[in-house]
């Protein structure tokens, strides 16, 4: 069941990680991520089990954003809830929105 407190925490985490990844400050991103880390989209799931591997994934993601010309990278929570029995873990979904240098906006996608 969705939880307003979980949603607020999840959104704050999304904001911090998105800003850190776009700016290339991956150390700051690590302050908001856990190992193992699960990233899931409609197409795939990636479980990153080590800090070294997560660093590579974040570096690659930053490079892709820069190469694509992304100037605004915003992820917006659509739902979030604490995992039953684990009040320090939140499961959530969000939509990713981007703006490119030329002002265009690719279609958002869900994770």
C-alpha atoms as a PDB file:
ATOM      1  CA  UNK A   1       0.000   0.000   0.000  1.00  0.00           C
ATOM      2  CA  UNK A   2       1.439   3.444  -0.912  1.00  0.00           C
ATOM      3  CA  UNK A   3       2.800   5.446   2.003  1.00  0.00           C
ATOM      4  CA  UNK A   4       3.244   9.273   1.966  1.00  0.00           C
ATOM      5  CA  UNK A   5       6.359   9.082   4.185  1.00  0.00           C
ATOM      6  CA  UNK A   6       7.960   6.436   1.947  1.00  0.00           C
ATOM      7  CA  UNK A   7       7.061   8.501  -1.115  1.00  0.00           C
ATOM      8  CA  UNK A   8       8.717  11.618   0.349  1.00  0.00           C
ATOM      9  CA  UNK A   9      11.913   9.706   1.202  1.00  0.00           C
ATOM     10  CA  UNK A  10      11.964   7.968  -2.185  1.00  0.00           C
ATOM     11  CA  UNK A  11      11.538  11.284  -4.049  1.00  0.00           C
ATOM     12  CA  UNK A  12      14.315  12.944  -2.035  1.00  0.00           C
ATOM     13  CA  UNK A  13      16.568  10.026  -2.915  1.00  0.00           C
ATOM     14  CA  UNK A  14      15.626  10.255  -6.600  1.00  0.00           C
ATOM     15  CA  UNK A  15      16.387  13.987  -6.610  1.00  0.00           C
ATOM     16  CA  UNK A  16      19.784  13.559  -4.941  1.00  0.00           C
ATOM     17  CA  UNK A  17      20.930  10.660  -7.120  1.00  0.00           C
ATOM     18  CA  UNK A  18      19.669  12.245 -10.351  1.00  0.00           C
ATOM     19  CA  UNK A  19      21.502  15.517  -9.676  1.00  0.00           C
ATOM     20  CA  UNK A  20      24.681  13.662  -8.668  1.00  0.00           C
ATOM     21  CA  UNK A  21      24.708  11.386 -11.716  1.00  0.00           C
ATOM     22  CA  UNK A  22      23.997  14.217 -14.167  1.00  0.00           C
ATOM     23  CA  UNK A  23      26.757  16.375 -12.665  1.00  0.00           C
ATOM     24  CA  UNK A  24      29.184  13.444 -12.543  1.00  0.00           C
ATOM     25  CA  UNK A  25      29.537  13.583  -8.740  1.00  0.00           C
ATOM     26  CA  UNK A  26      29.303   9.832  -8.264  1.00  0.00           C
ATOM     27  CA  UNK A  27      30.641   9.951  -4.699  1.00  0.00           C
ATOM     28  CA  UNK A  28      27.559  11.955  -3.765  1.00  0.00           C
ATOM     29  CA  UNK A  29      25.348   9.418  -5.546  1.00  0.00           C
ATOM     30  CA  UNK A  30      26.838   6.638  -3.408  1.00  0.00           C
ATOM     31  CA  UNK A  31      25.574   8.423  -0.287  1.00  0.00           C
ATOM     32  CA  UNK A  32      22.053   7.534  -1.445  1.00  0.00           C
ATOM     33  CA  UNK A  33      22.497   4.040  -2.879  1.00  0.00           C
ATOM     34  CA  UNK A  34      22.687   0.592  -1.321  1.00  0.00           C
ATOM     35  CA  UNK A  35      24.596  -2.501  -2.364  1.00  0.00           C
ATOM     36  CA  UNK A  36      23.218  -4.699  -3.790  1.00  0.00           C
ATOM     37  CA  UNK A  37      21.405  -2.232  -6.019  1.00  0.00           C
ATOM     38  CA  UNK A  38      18.433  -3.161  -8.204  1.00  0.00           C
ATOM     39  CA  UNK A  39      17.510  -1.098 -11.252  1.00  0.00           C
ATOM     40  CA  UNK A  40      14.496  -2.310 -13.194  1.00  0.00           C
ATOM     41  CA  UNK A  41      12.697  -1.042 -16.281  1.00  0.00           C
ATOM     42  CA  UNK A  42      10.017  -2.587 -18.455  1.00  0.00           C
ATOM     43  CA  UNK A  43      12.814  -4.157 -20.540  1.00  0.00           C
ATOM     44  CA  UNK A  44      15.239  -5.503 -17.948  1.00  0.00           C
ATOM     45  CA  UNK A  45      16.492  -5.772 -14.374  1.00  0.00           C
ATOM     46  CA  UNK A  46      20.082  -5.136 -13.334  1.00  0.00           C
ATOM     47  CA  UNK A  47      21.350  -6.194  -9.924  1.00  0.00           C
ATOM     48  CA  UNK A  48      24.682  -4.605  -9.044  1.00  0.00           C
ATOM     49  CA  UNK A  49      26.334  -6.522  -6.237  1.00  0.00           C
ATOM     50  CA  UNK A  50      29.548  -4.562  -5.610  1.00  0.00           C
ATOM     51  CA  UNK A  51      30.671  -0.952  -5.199  1.00  0.00           C
ATOM     52  CA  UNK A  52      33.176  -1.361  -8.040  1.00  0.00           C
ATOM     53  CA  UNK A  53      30.496  -2.559 -10.438  1.00  0.00           C
ATOM     54  CA  UNK A  54      28.057   0.137  -9.310  1.00  0.00           C
ATOM     55  CA  UNK A  55      30.759   2.740  -9.970  1.00  0.00           C
ATOM     56  CA  UNK A  56      31.123   1.438 -13.536  1.00  0.00           C
ATOM     57  CA  UNK A  57      27.343   1.467 -14.046  1.00  0.00           C
ATOM     58  CA  UNK A  58      27.040   5.049 -12.746  1.00  0.00           C
ATOM     59  CA  UNK A  59      30.013   6.262 -14.799  1.00  0.00           C
ATOM     60  CA  UNK A  60      28.482   4.717 -17.910  1.00  0.00           C
ATOM     61  CA  UNK A  61      25.082   6.233 -17.166  1.00  0.00           C
ATOM     62  CA  UNK A  62      26.637   9.686 -16.643  1.00  0.00           C
ATOM     63  CA  UNK A  63      28.529   9.352 -19.938  1.00  0.00           C
ATOM     64  CA  UNK A  64      25.356   8.348 -21.773  1.00  0.00           C
ATOM     65  CA  UNK A  65      23.499  11.367 -20.406  1.00  0.00           C
ATOM     66  CA  UNK A  66      26.311  13.728 -21.412  1.00  0.00           C
ATOM     67  CA  UNK A  67      26.721  12.149 -24.858  1.00  0.00           C
ATOM     68  CA  UNK A  68      22.990  12.440 -25.443  1.00  0.00           C
ATOM     69  CA  UNK A  69      23.054  16.135 -24.525  1.00  0.00           C
ATOM     70  CA  UNK A  70      20.867  15.842 -21.424  1.00  0.00           C
ATOM     71  CA  UNK A  71      20.714  19.131 -19.496  1.00  0.00           C
ATOM     72  CA  UNK A  72      17.819  18.227 -17.212  1.00  0.00           C
ATOM     73  CA  UNK A  73      17.381  14.778 -15.692  1.00  0.00           C
ATOM     74  CA  UNK A  74      14.413  14.408 -13.381  1.00  0.00           C
ATOM     75  CA  UNK A  75      12.881  11.283 -11.926  1.00  0.00           C
ATOM     76  CA  UNK A  76       9.432  11.598 -10.371  1.00  0.00           C
ATOM     77  CA  UNK A  77       8.003   9.119  -7.884  1.00  0.00           C
ATOM     78  CA  UNK A  78       4.749   7.504  -8.977  1.00  0.00           C
ATOM     79  CA  UNK A  79       4.433   5.158  -5.990  1.00  0.00           C
ATOM     80  CA  UNK A  80       6.441   4.067  -2.965  1.00  0.00           C
ATOM     81  CA  UNK A  81       5.976   1.964   0.148  1.00  0.00           C
ATOM     82  CA  UNK A  82       8.112   0.549   2.913  1.00  0.00           C
ATOM     83  CA  UNK A  83       8.937  -3.112   2.375  1.00  0.00           C
ATOM     84  CA  UNK A  84       6.886  -5.114   4.932  1.00  0.00           C
ATOM     85  CA  UNK A  85       9.052  -6.064   7.882  1.00  0.00           C
ATOM     86  CA  UNK A  86      11.950  -3.874   6.700  1.00  0.00           C
ATOM     87  CA  UNK A  87      11.309  -0.259   7.695  1.00  0.00           C
ATOM     88  CA  UNK A  88      14.701   0.808   6.310  1.00  0.00           C
ATOM     89  CA  UNK A  89      13.845  -0.370   2.777  1.00  0.00           C
ATOM     90  CA  UNK A  90      11.487   1.248   0.266  1.00  0.00           C
ATOM     91  CA  UNK A  91      10.124  -0.230  -2.942  1.00  0.00           C
ATOM     92  CA  UNK A  92       9.018   2.336  -5.472  1.00  0.00           C
ATOM     93  CA  UNK A  93       8.377   3.276  -9.072  1.00  0.00           C
ATOM     94  CA  UNK A  94       9.206   6.453 -10.893  1.00  0.00           C
ATOM     95  CA  UNK A  95       9.084   8.090 -14.308  1.00  0.00           C
ATOM     96  CA  UNK A  96      12.233   9.588 -15.813  1.00  0.00           C
ATOM     97  CA  UNK A  97      11.983  12.888 -17.675  1.00  0.00           C
ATOM     98  CA  UNK A  98      14.805  14.549 -19.615  1.00  0.00           C
ATOM     99  CA  UNK A  99      15.426  17.781 -21.484  1.00  0.00           C
ATOM    100  CA  UNK A 100      18.162  17.883 -24.118  1.00  0.00           C
ATOM    101  CA  UNK A 101      20.432  20.823 -25.065  1.00  0.00           C
ATOM    102  CA  UNK A 102      18.232  21.594 -28.067  1.00  0.00           C
ATOM    103  CA  UNK A 103      15.163  21.863 -25.808  1.00  0.00           C
ATOM    104  CA  UNK A 104      13.610  18.601 -26.964  1.00  0.00           C
ATOM    105  CA  UNK A 105      12.073  16.237 -24.442  1.00  0.00           C
ATOM    106  CA  UNK A 106      12.396  12.502 -25.108  1.00  0.00           C
ATOM    107  CA  UNK A 107       9.424  10.390 -24.060  1.00  0.00           C
ATOM    108  CA  UNK A 108       9.523   9.607 -20.323  1.00  0.00           C
ATOM    109  CA  UNK A 109      10.051   6.029 -19.223  1.00  0.00           C
ATOM    110  CA  UNK A 110       9.127   4.147 -16.068  1.00  0.00           C
ATOM    111  CA  UNK A 111      11.377   2.272 -13.642  1.00  0.00           C
END
